[in-house]
C-alpha atoms as a PDB file:
ATOM      1  CA  MET A   1      -1.501 -43.364  19.449  1.00  0.00           C
ATOM      2  CA  LYS A   2      -2.568 -39.845  20.509  1.00  0.00           C
ATOM      3  CA  LEU A   3      -5.835 -41.276  21.901  1.00  0.00           C
ATOM      4  CA  GLN A   4      -3.901 -43.839  23.947  1.00  0.00           C
ATOM      5  CA  ILE A   5      -1.644 -41.115  25.315  1.00  0.00           C
ATOM      6  CA  ARG A   6      -4.619 -38.958  26.317  1.00  0.00           C
ATOM      7  CA  ARG A   7      -6.296 -41.904  28.047  1.00  0.00           C
ATOM      8  CA  ARG A   8      -3.070 -42.779  29.862  1.00  0.00           C
ATOM      9  CA  ALA A   9      -2.634 -39.171  30.982  1.00  0.00           C
ATOM     10  CA  ARG A  10      -6.208 -39.024  32.273  1.00  0.00           C
ATOM     11  CA  THR A  11      -5.706 -42.244  34.248  1.00  0.00           C
ATOM     12  CA  VAL A  12      -2.461 -40.987  35.741  1.00  0.00           C
ATOM     13  CA  GLY A  13      -4.153 -37.704  36.611  1.00  0.00           C
ATOM     14  CA  LEU A  14      -6.972 -39.422  38.500  1.00  0.00           C
ATOM     15  CA  LEU A  15      -4.535 -41.650  40.369  1.00  0.00           C
ATOM     16  CA  GLY A  16      -2.508 -38.594  41.240  1.00  0.00           C
ATOM     17  CA  LEU A  17      -5.624 -36.880  42.590  1.00  0.00           C
ATOM     18  CA  VAL A  18      -6.428 -39.854  44.813  1.00  0.00           C
ATOM     19  CA  SER A  19      -2.849 -39.933  46.098  1.00  0.00           C
ATOM     20  CA  LEU A  20      -2.921 -36.210  46.798  1.00  0.00           C
ATOM     21  CA  ILE A  21      -6.248 -36.440  48.624  1.00  0.00           C
ATOM     22  CA  LEU A  22      -5.146 -39.340  50.789  1.00  0.00           C
ATOM     23  CA  SER A  23      -1.837 -37.725  51.648  1.00  0.00           C
ATOM     24  CA  ALA A  24      -3.633 -34.500  52.629  1.00  0.00           C
ATOM     25  CA  CYS A  25      -6.026 -36.219  55.019  1.00  0.00           C
ATOM     26  CA  GLY A  26      -4.766 -35.731  58.548  1.00  0.00           C
ATOM     27  CA  ALA A  27      -5.919 -37.188  61.836  1.00  0.00           C
ATOM     28  CA  ILE A  28      -8.307 -34.989  63.734  1.00  0.00           C
ATOM     29  CA  PRO A  29     -10.151 -33.889  65.587  1.00  0.00           C
ATOM     30  CA  SER A  30     -27.883 -48.962  57.766  1.00  0.00           C
ATOM     31  CA  GLY A  31     -30.334 -46.330  58.711  1.00  0.00           C
ATOM     32  CA  ASN A  32     -33.679 -47.326  60.116  1.00  0.00           C
ATOM     33  CA  ASP A  33     -36.291 -44.616  59.783  1.00  0.00           C
ATOM     34  CA  GLY A  34     -39.282 -46.728  58.900  1.00  0.00           C
ATOM     35  CA  GLN A  35     -38.178 -47.228  55.310  1.00  0.00           C
ATOM     36  CA  SER A  36     -38.369 -50.531  53.495  1.00  0.00           C
ATOM     37  CA  SER A  37     -35.260 -52.127  52.007  1.00  0.00           C
ATOM     38  CA  ARG A  38     -35.061 -52.788  48.289  1.00  0.00           C
ATOM     39  CA  PRO A  39     -33.156 -55.589  46.598  1.00  0.00           C
ATOM     40  CA  GLN A  40     -30.167 -54.465  44.607  1.00  0.00           C
ATOM     41  CA  ALA A  41     -27.840 -56.003  42.071  1.00  0.00           C
ATOM     42  CA  SER A  42     -24.087 -55.754  42.265  1.00  0.00           C
ATOM     43  CA  ALA A  43     -22.680 -52.864  40.300  1.00  0.00           C
ATOM     44  CA  GLY A  44     -19.144 -54.201  40.205  1.00  0.00           C
ATOM     45  CA  LEU A  45     -16.193 -52.169  41.409  1.00  0.00           C
ATOM     46  CA  GLY A  46     -17.387 -48.919  39.838  1.00  0.00           C
ATOM     47  CA  SER A  47     -15.059 -46.171  38.687  1.00  0.00           C
ATOM     48  CA  PHE A  48     -13.274 -43.304  40.386  1.00  0.00           C
ATOM     49  CA  ASP A  49     -14.486 -40.245  38.510  1.00  0.00           C
ATOM     50  CA  PRO A  50     -15.456 -37.545  41.055  1.00  0.00           C
ATOM     51  CA  SER A  51     -17.328 -34.456  39.944  1.00  0.00           C
ATOM     52  CA  PRO A  52     -15.648 -31.025  40.221  1.00  0.00           C
ATOM     53  CA  SER A  53     -17.720 -30.275  43.329  1.00  0.00           C
ATOM     54  CA  ALA A  54     -16.603 -33.563  44.889  1.00  0.00           C
ATOM     55  CA  ARG A  55     -12.947 -32.763  44.157  1.00  0.00           C
ATOM     56  CA  GLN A  56     -13.400 -29.451  45.954  1.00  0.00           C
ATOM     57  CA  CYS A  57     -15.145 -31.258  48.824  1.00  0.00           C
ATOM     58  CA  PHE A  58     -12.244 -33.718  49.123  1.00  0.00           C
ATOM     59  CA  SER A  59      -9.853 -30.788  49.309  1.00  0.00           C
ATOM     60  CA  ASP A  60     -11.962 -29.013  51.945  1.00  0.00           C
ATOM     61  CA  LEU A  61     -12.110 -32.134  54.114  1.00  0.00           C
ATOM     62  CA  GLY A  62      -8.367 -32.520  53.878  1.00  0.00           C
ATOM     63  CA  LYS A  63      -7.830 -28.913  54.954  1.00  0.00           C
ATOM     64  CA  ALA A  64     -10.168 -29.516  57.902  1.00  0.00           C
ATOM     65  CA  ASN A  65      -7.986 -32.486  58.936  1.00  0.00           C
ATOM     66  CA  VAL A  66     -10.842 -34.963  58.478  1.00  0.00           C
ATOM     67  CA  ARG A  67      -9.528 -38.422  57.612  1.00  0.00           C
ATOM     68  CA  PHE A  68     -11.443 -40.200  54.859  1.00  0.00           C
ATOM     69  CA  SER A  69     -11.133 -42.535  51.901  1.00  0.00           C
ATOM     70  CA  PRO A  70     -12.754 -41.645  48.523  1.00  0.00           C
ATOM     71  CA  LEU A  71     -14.973 -44.402  47.114  1.00  0.00           C
ATOM     72  CA  PRO A  72     -15.631 -45.307  43.462  1.00  0.00           C
ATOM     73  CA  ASN A  73     -18.890 -44.183  41.897  1.00  0.00           C
ATOM     74  CA  ARG A  74     -21.407 -47.023  41.728  1.00  0.00           C
ATOM     75  CA  LYS A  75     -24.935 -47.379  40.391  1.00  0.00           C
ATOM     76  CA  PHE A  76     -27.331 -50.129  41.395  1.00  0.00           C
ATOM     77  CA  SER A  77     -30.601 -51.486  40.107  1.00  0.00           C
ATOM     78  CA  GLY A  78     -33.727 -49.577  41.054  1.00  0.00           C
ATOM     79  CA  GLY A  79     -32.026 -46.190  40.796  1.00  0.00           C
ATOM     80  CA  CYS A  80     -29.853 -46.516  43.914  1.00  0.00           C
ATOM     81  CA  SER A  81     -26.346 -45.102  43.763  1.00  0.00           C
ATOM     82  CA  GLN A  82     -23.166 -44.122  45.575  1.00  0.00           C
ATOM     83  CA  ILE A  83     -21.843 -41.091  43.687  1.00  0.00           C
ATOM     84  CA  ASP A  84     -19.103 -38.764  44.994  1.00  0.00           C
ATOM     85  CA  SER A  85     -19.141 -40.695  48.270  1.00  0.00           C
ATOM     86  CA  ILE A  86     -16.465 -41.384  50.848  1.00  0.00           C
ATOM     87  CA  LYS A  87     -15.746 -43.550  53.856  1.00  0.00           C
ATOM     88  CA  LEU A  88     -15.206 -41.423  56.950  1.00  0.00           C
ATOM     89  CA  LEU A  89     -12.250 -42.650  58.983  1.00  0.00           C
ATOM     90  CA  ASP A  90     -11.907 -40.031  61.724  1.00  0.00           C
ATOM     91  CA  VAL A  91     -14.174 -37.112  62.705  1.00  0.00           C
ATOM     92  CA  GLY A  92     -12.605 -36.565  66.114  1.00  0.00           C
ATOM     93  CA  ALA A  93     -14.794 -39.228  67.755  1.00  0.00           C
ATOM     94  CA  ASP A  94     -15.638 -42.840  67.025  1.00  0.00           C
ATOM     95  CA  VAL A  95     -18.683 -43.350  64.777  1.00  0.00           C
ATOM     96  CA  THR A  96     -20.345 -46.747  64.553  1.00  0.00           C
ATOM     97  CA  ASN A  97     -22.102 -48.462  61.648  1.00  0.00           C
ATOM     98  CA  LEU A  98     -21.386 -45.743  59.084  1.00  0.00           C
ATOM     99  CA  GLY A  99     -21.131 -46.819  55.441  1.00  0.00           C
ATOM    100  CA  PRO A 100     -20.679 -44.779  52.243  1.00  0.00           C
ATOM    101  CA  VAL A 101     -21.651 -41.113  52.620  1.00  0.00           C
ATOM    102  CA  LYS A 102     -21.779 -38.360  50.014  1.00  0.00           C
ATOM    103  CA  CYS A 103     -18.843 -36.025  50.521  1.00  0.00           C
ATOM    104  CA  GLU A 104     -20.967 -32.930  51.160  1.00  0.00           C
ATOM    105  CA  LEU A 105     -22.987 -34.727  53.835  1.00  0.00           C
ATOM    106  CA  ALA A 106     -19.791 -36.095  55.379  1.00  0.00           C
ATOM    107  CA  GLY A 107     -18.368 -32.589  55.632  1.00  0.00           C
ATOM    108  CA  LYS A 108     -21.476 -31.304  57.387  1.00  0.00           C
ATOM    109  CA  PHE A 109     -21.503 -34.308  59.718  1.00  0.00           C
ATOM    110  CA  ALA A 110     -17.837 -33.835  60.659  1.00  0.00           C
ATOM    111  CA  ALA A 111     -18.386 -30.123  61.382  1.00  0.00           C
ATOM    112  CA  TRP A 112     -21.560 -30.876  63.373  1.00  0.00           C
ATOM    113  CA  THR A 113     -19.631 -33.410  65.456  1.00  0.00           C
ATOM    114  CA  GLU A 114     -16.726 -31.060  66.123  1.00  0.00           C
ATOM    115  CA  TYR A 115     -18.513 -27.751  66.690  1.00  0.00           C
ATOM    116  CA  ALA A 116     -21.942 -28.796  67.996  1.00  0.00           C
ATOM    117  CA  VAL A 117     -22.019 -32.273  69.525  1.00  0.00           C
ATOM    118  CA  LYS A 118     -18.657 -32.152  71.296  1.00  0.00           C
ATOM    119  CA  ARG A 119     -19.224 -28.651  72.655  1.00  0.00           C
ATOM    120  CA  ALA A 120     -22.779 -29.431  73.790  1.00  0.00           C
ATOM    121  CA  ALA A 121     -21.571 -32.586  75.567  1.00  0.00           C
ATOM    122  CA  ARG A 122     -19.108 -30.540  77.611  1.00  0.00           C
ATOM    123  CA  LYS A 123     -21.577 -27.713  78.239  1.00  0.00           C
ATOM    124  CA  TYR A 124     -24.685 -29.659  79.228  1.00  0.00           C
ATOM    125  CA  LEU A 125     -23.289 -33.004  80.367  1.00  0.00           C
ATOM    126  CA  GLY A 126     -19.855 -32.094  81.726  1.00  0.00           C
ATOM    127  CA  SER A 127     -18.007 -34.794  79.830  1.00  0.00           C
ATOM    128  CA  ASP A 128     -16.227 -35.224  76.497  1.00  0.00           C
ATOM    129  CA  LEU A 129     -17.818 -37.100  73.609  1.00  0.00           C
ATOM    130  CA  LYS A 130     -16.364 -40.542  72.995  1.00  0.00           C
ATOM    131  CA  ARG A 131     -18.607 -42.130  70.381  1.00  0.00           C
ATOM    132  CA  ILE A 132     -21.570 -41.435  68.099  1.00  0.00           C
ATOM    133  CA  GLU A 133     -23.799 -44.418  67.382  1.00  0.00           C
ATOM    134  CA  THR A 134     -25.632 -44.499  64.059  1.00  0.00           C
ATOM    135  CA  MET A 135     -28.097 -46.796  62.346  1.00  0.00           C
ATOM    136  CA  GLY A 136     -26.200 -46.401  59.106  1.00  0.00           C
ATOM    137  CA  SER A 137     -26.053 -44.295  55.975  1.00  0.00           C
ATOM    138  CA  TYR A 138     -26.387 -45.994  52.573  1.00  0.00           C
ATOM    139  CA  ASN A 139     -29.349 -48.348  52.133  1.00  0.00           C
ATOM    140  CA  CYS A 140     -31.140 -49.022  48.838  1.00  0.00           C
ATOM    141  CA  ARG A 141     -34.785 -48.494  49.825  1.00  0.00           C
ATOM    142  CA  ASN A 142     -37.907 -46.395  49.439  1.00  0.00           C
ATOM    143  CA  VAL A 143     -39.396 -43.953  51.905  1.00  0.00           C
ATOM    144  CA  ALA A 144     -41.932 -45.963  53.915  1.00  0.00           C
ATOM    145  CA  GLY A 145     -45.389 -45.958  52.381  1.00  0.00           C
ATOM    146  CA  SER A 146     -44.273 -44.455  49.077  1.00  0.00           C
ATOM    147  CA  GLY A 147     -42.627 -45.334  45.789  1.00  0.00           C
ATOM    148  CA  LYS A 148     -40.010 -42.607  46.239  1.00  0.00           C
ATOM    149  CA  LEU A 149     -36.420 -43.500  46.881  1.00  0.00           C
ATOM    150  CA  SER A 150     -35.054 -42.511  50.276  1.00  0.00           C
ATOM    151  CA  GLN A 151     -32.007 -40.259  50.492  1.00  0.00           C
ATOM    152  CA  HIS A 152     -30.335 -43.290  52.064  1.00  0.00           C
ATOM    153  CA  ALA A 153     -30.523 -44.890  48.612  1.00  0.00           C
ATOM    154  CA  HIS A 154     -28.031 -42.272  47.399  1.00  0.00           C
ATOM    155  CA  ALA A 155     -25.700 -42.327  50.442  1.00  0.00           C
ATOM    156  CA  ASN A 156     -27.102 -38.890  51.250  1.00  0.00           C
ATOM    157  CA  ALA A 157     -28.492 -39.551  54.750  1.00  0.00           C
ATOM    158  CA  ILE A 158     -27.270 -40.594  58.194  1.00  0.00           C
ATOM    159  CA  ASP A 159     -29.432 -41.834  61.077  1.00  0.00           C
ATOM    160  CA  VAL A 160     -27.962 -40.991  64.510  1.00  0.00           C
ATOM    161  CA  SER A 161     -29.295 -42.911  67.509  1.00  0.00           C
ATOM    162  CA  ALA A 162     -27.055 -42.279  70.532  1.00  0.00           C
ATOM    163  CA  PHE A 163     -23.990 -40.580  72.029  1.00  0.00           C
ATOM    164  CA  VAL A 164     -21.519 -42.174  74.431  1.00  0.00           C
ATOM    165  CA  LEU A 165     -19.442 -39.996  76.776  1.00  0.00           C
ATOM    166  CA  HIS A 166     -15.983 -40.574  78.220  1.00  0.00           C
ATOM    167  CA  ASP A 167     -17.513 -40.936  81.688  1.00  0.00           C
ATOM    168  CA  GLY A 168     -19.481 -43.962  80.437  1.00  0.00           C
ATOM    169  CA  ARG A 169     -22.923 -42.392  80.085  1.00  0.00           C
ATOM    170  CA  ARG A 170     -24.942 -43.202  76.976  1.00  0.00           C
ATOM    171  CA  ILE A 171     -27.439 -40.591  75.783  1.00  0.00           C
ATOM    172  CA  SER A 172     -29.962 -42.041  73.349  1.00  0.00           C
ATOM    173  CA  VAL A 173     -32.555 -40.239  71.269  1.00  0.00           C
ATOM    174  CA  GLU A 174     -35.185 -42.835  72.158  1.00  0.00           C
ATOM    175  CA  LYS A 175     -34.624 -42.712  75.930  1.00  0.00           C
ATOM    176  CA  ASN A 176     -33.624 -39.107  76.510  1.00  0.00           C
ATOM    177  CA  TRP A 177     -35.553 -36.987  74.008  1.00  0.00           C
ATOM    178  CA  LYS A 178     -38.103 -36.398  76.768  1.00  0.00           C
ATOM    179  CA  SER A 179     -36.252 -37.673  79.816  1.00  0.00           C
ATOM    180  CA  GLY A 180     -33.538 -36.105  81.991  1.00  0.00           C
ATOM    181  CA  ARG A 181     -33.154 -32.328  82.094  1.00  0.00           C
ATOM    182  CA  GLN A 182     -29.498 -32.140  81.064  1.00  0.00           C
ATOM    183  CA  GLU A 183     -29.871 -34.904  78.511  1.00  0.00           C
ATOM    184  CA  MET A 184     -32.877 -33.167  76.980  1.00  0.00           C
ATOM    185  CA  GLN A 185     -30.966 -29.874  76.811  1.00  0.00           C
ATOM    186  CA  PHE A 186     -28.064 -31.625  75.091  1.00  0.00           C
ATOM    187  CA  LEU A 187     -30.271 -33.311  72.479  1.00  0.00           C
ATOM    188  CA  ALA A 188     -32.266 -30.131  71.855  1.00  0.00           C
ATOM    189  CA  ALA A 189     -29.058 -28.129  71.344  1.00  0.00           C
ATOM    190  CA  ILE A 190     -27.512 -30.518  68.825  1.00  0.00           C
ATOM    191  CA  HIS A 191     -30.867 -30.911  67.053  1.00  0.00           C
ATOM    192  CA  ASN A 192     -31.117 -27.128  66.650  1.00  0.00           C
ATOM    193  CA  SER A 193     -27.549 -26.997  65.345  1.00  0.00           C
ATOM    194  CA  ALA A 194     -28.240 -29.809  62.886  1.00  0.00           C
ATOM    195  CA  CYS A 195     -31.189 -27.863  61.490  1.00  0.00           C
ATOM    196  CA  LYS A 196     -28.779 -25.053  60.540  1.00  0.00           C
ATOM    197  CA  ARG A 197     -26.365 -27.397  58.749  1.00  0.00           C
ATOM    198  CA  PHE A 198     -28.350 -30.094  56.972  1.00  0.00           C
ATOM    199  CA  GLY A 199     -31.060 -29.843  54.318  1.00  0.00           C
ATOM    200  CA  THR A 200     -33.500 -32.062  56.220  1.00  0.00           C
ATOM    201  CA  VAL A 201     -33.502 -33.024  59.899  1.00  0.00           C
ATOM    202  CA  LEU A 202     -36.129 -35.370  61.356  1.00  0.00           C
ATOM    203  CA  SER A 203     -36.461 -36.157  65.071  1.00  0.00           C
ATOM    204  CA  PRO A 204     -38.996 -37.918  67.324  1.00  0.00           C
ATOM    205  CA  ASN A 205     -41.159 -34.812  66.836  1.00  0.00           C
ATOM    206  CA  TYR A 206     -41.673 -35.805  63.192  1.00  0.00           C
ATOM    207  CA  ASN A 207     -43.366 -39.203  63.549  1.00  0.00           C
ATOM    208  CA  ALA A 208     -43.201 -42.523  65.386  1.00  0.00           C
ATOM    209  CA  ALA A 209     -40.744 -43.973  62.849  1.00  0.00           C
ATOM    210  CA  HIS A 210     -38.171 -41.455  64.110  1.00  0.00           C
ATOM    211  CA  ARG A 211     -38.747 -42.058  67.818  1.00  0.00           C
ATOM    212  CA  ASP A 212     -35.232 -43.470  68.249  1.00  0.00           C
ATOM    213  CA  HIS A 213     -32.985 -41.386  65.996  1.00  0.00           C
ATOM    214  CA  PHE A 214     -32.184 -38.161  64.178  1.00  0.00           C
ATOM    215  CA  HIS A 215     -32.366 -38.424  60.397  1.00  0.00           C
ATOM    216  CA  LEU A 216     -29.867 -36.060  58.726  1.00  0.00           C
ATOM    217  CA  ASP A 217     -29.650 -35.514  54.977  1.00  0.00           C
ATOM    218  CA  MET A 218     -28.742 -32.867  52.415  1.00  0.00           C
ATOM    219  CA  SER A 219     -32.012 -32.774  50.458  1.00  0.00           C
ATOM    220  CA  GLY A 220     -34.661 -30.138  51.042  1.00  0.00           C
ATOM    221  CA  ASN A 221     -34.093 -26.552  52.061  1.00  0.00           C
ATOM    222  CA  GLY A 222     -33.753 -26.489  55.803  1.00  0.00           C
ATOM    223  CA  TYR A 223     -36.748 -28.676  56.647  1.00  0.00           C
ATOM    224  CA  CYS A 224     -36.541 -29.300  60.389  1.00  0.00           C
ATOM    225  CA  ARG A 225     -38.865 -31.291  62.652  1.00  0.00           C
END
């Protein structure tokens, strides 16, 4: 009987945490980096059991008025996983094609959008940011040419390909990394800012596989190319 009570209390506590997180979230303001996809088996619905660091991350996102939905932890065949991940709902601009993202990465991405991308768009391009286009986040695959799992396989990476402004212009990494003075300044500025926020940032300067996007993840220790 005592065991049943403890289990019931733990379940109620987790549900209460989810409710608290969702009520605190205000309204604010599949990658393709040359990696090969891996088959994966369904892991079912998973379970909501966030780590202490994830609980703190949920709280921090709520305080920053970032809207999001916590996702259950899931593990897949081949070592792929979605642990302590969320679905971003609002970072102050539309974001396309974004799947599960680890909470820490989501927090960095939301701050980068708000304090780097939006400000750089106004400064260098004279228009507000409307949309960020991505090639995705979670994807169960290896790094190209290796047997090592990509950070995408753990929902710990986002590939950003383009930015759309309110005046209708579309600035893409592939087209404008070395074309258009203002566009180049904009992309260079947000790339430099990304290097200060994320663990690893890869651009067209890294290799041909990244000619059309920025790869952002939380591994490494400030590796920036």
